[in-house]
Amino acid sequence: MKNSFIASLVEYVKGAYDELVHHVVWPSWQEVQKWTAVVATFTLLFSLFIFVVDYIFREILNFYYRLIR
């Protein structure tokens, strides 16, 4: 039983390696750079949006808490 598990694990790793090396189409370096810039820009814009929304909600809640005091 243990030998069968090890043999199937070895076959799986060999198949995964073969798939990665011979069948996967990897992007070019220029594509990687372009999409990295796109993701970084989107991340910065989304972070800025979250910051603004957080600031607005904080100010609304502070105003509300000052009213009820």
Protein backbone atom coordinates (compact mmCIF):
# COMPACT_ATOMS: atom_id res chain seq x y z
CA MET A 1 0.00 0.00 0.00
CA LYS A 2 2.78 2.43 0.94
CA ASN A 3 4.71 1.63 -2.25
CA SER A 4 1.62 2.31 -4.34
CA PHE A 5 1.14 5.70 -2.69
CA ILE A 6 4.77 6.69 -3.25
CA ALA A 7 4.68 5.51 -6.86
CA SER A 8 1.51 7.49 -7.57
CA LEU A 9 2.99 10.55 -5.84
CA VAL A 10 6.14 10.30 -7.99
CA GLU A 11 3.99 9.97 -11.13
CA TYR A 12 1.97 13.01 -10.11
CA VAL A 13 5.09 15.14 -9.57
CA LYS A 14 6.55 13.98 -12.92
CA GLY A 15 3.30 14.83 -14.69
CA ALA A 16 3.08 18.24 -13.03
CA TYR A 17 6.68 19.01 -13.99
CA ASP A 18 6.09 17.90 -17.59
CA GLU A 19 2.97 20.08 -17.77
CA LEU A 20 4.80 23.15 -16.45
CA VAL A 21 7.85 22.73 -18.67
CA HIS A 22 6.32 21.58 -21.95
CA HIS A 23 2.66 22.62 -22.06
CA VAL A 24 2.27 25.93 -20.21
CA VAL A 25 2.57 29.10 -22.29
CA TRP A 26 4.44 31.58 -20.13
CA PRO A 27 3.96 35.32 -20.71
CA SER A 28 6.78 37.41 -22.08
CA TRP A 29 8.81 39.64 -19.78
CA GLN A 30 7.13 42.72 -21.32
CA GLU A 31 3.68 41.30 -20.55
CA VAL A 32 4.71 40.56 -16.97
CA GLN A 33 5.95 44.13 -16.52
CA LYS A 34 2.81 45.61 -18.10
CA TRP A 35 0.39 43.59 -15.99
CA THR A 36 2.44 44.20 -12.83
CA ALA A 37 2.10 47.94 -13.45
CA VAL A 38 -1.65 47.55 -14.04
CA VAL A 39 -2.11 45.59 -10.81
CA ALA A 40 0.04 48.03 -8.81
CA THR A 41 -1.90 51.02 -10.17
CA PHE A 42 -5.27 49.41 -9.45
CA THR A 43 -4.11 48.48 -5.95
CA LEU A 44 -3.05 52.06 -5.22
CA LEU A 45 -6.32 53.48 -6.58
CA PHE A 46 -8.39 50.98 -4.62
CA SER A 47 -6.42 51.74 -1.45
CA LEU A 48 -7.02 55.45 -1.96
CA PHE A 49 -10.74 54.80 -2.45
CA ILE A 50 -10.92 52.75 0.77
CA PHE A 51 -9.04 55.51 2.63
CA VAL A 52 -11.49 58.17 1.42
CA VAL A 53 -14.55 56.07 2.28
CA ASP A 54 -13.10 55.30 5.72
CA TYR A 55 -12.40 58.99 6.33
CA ILE A 56 -15.94 59.99 5.31
CA PHE A 57 -17.55 57.37 7.55
CA ARG A 58 -15.29 58.36 10.44
CA GLU A 59 -16.29 62.02 10.09
CA ILE A 60 -19.99 61.10 9.85
CA LEU A 61 -19.76 58.97 13.00
CA ASN A 62 -17.82 61.66 14.87
CA PHE A 63 -20.48 64.21 13.92
CA TYR A 64 -23.23 61.82 15.06
CA TYR A 65 -21.50 61.11 18.39
CA ARG A 66 -21.05 64.83 19.03
CA LEU A 67 -24.75 65.36 18.39
CA ILE A 68 -25.92 62.73 20.85
CA ARG A 69 -23.57 63.82 23.64
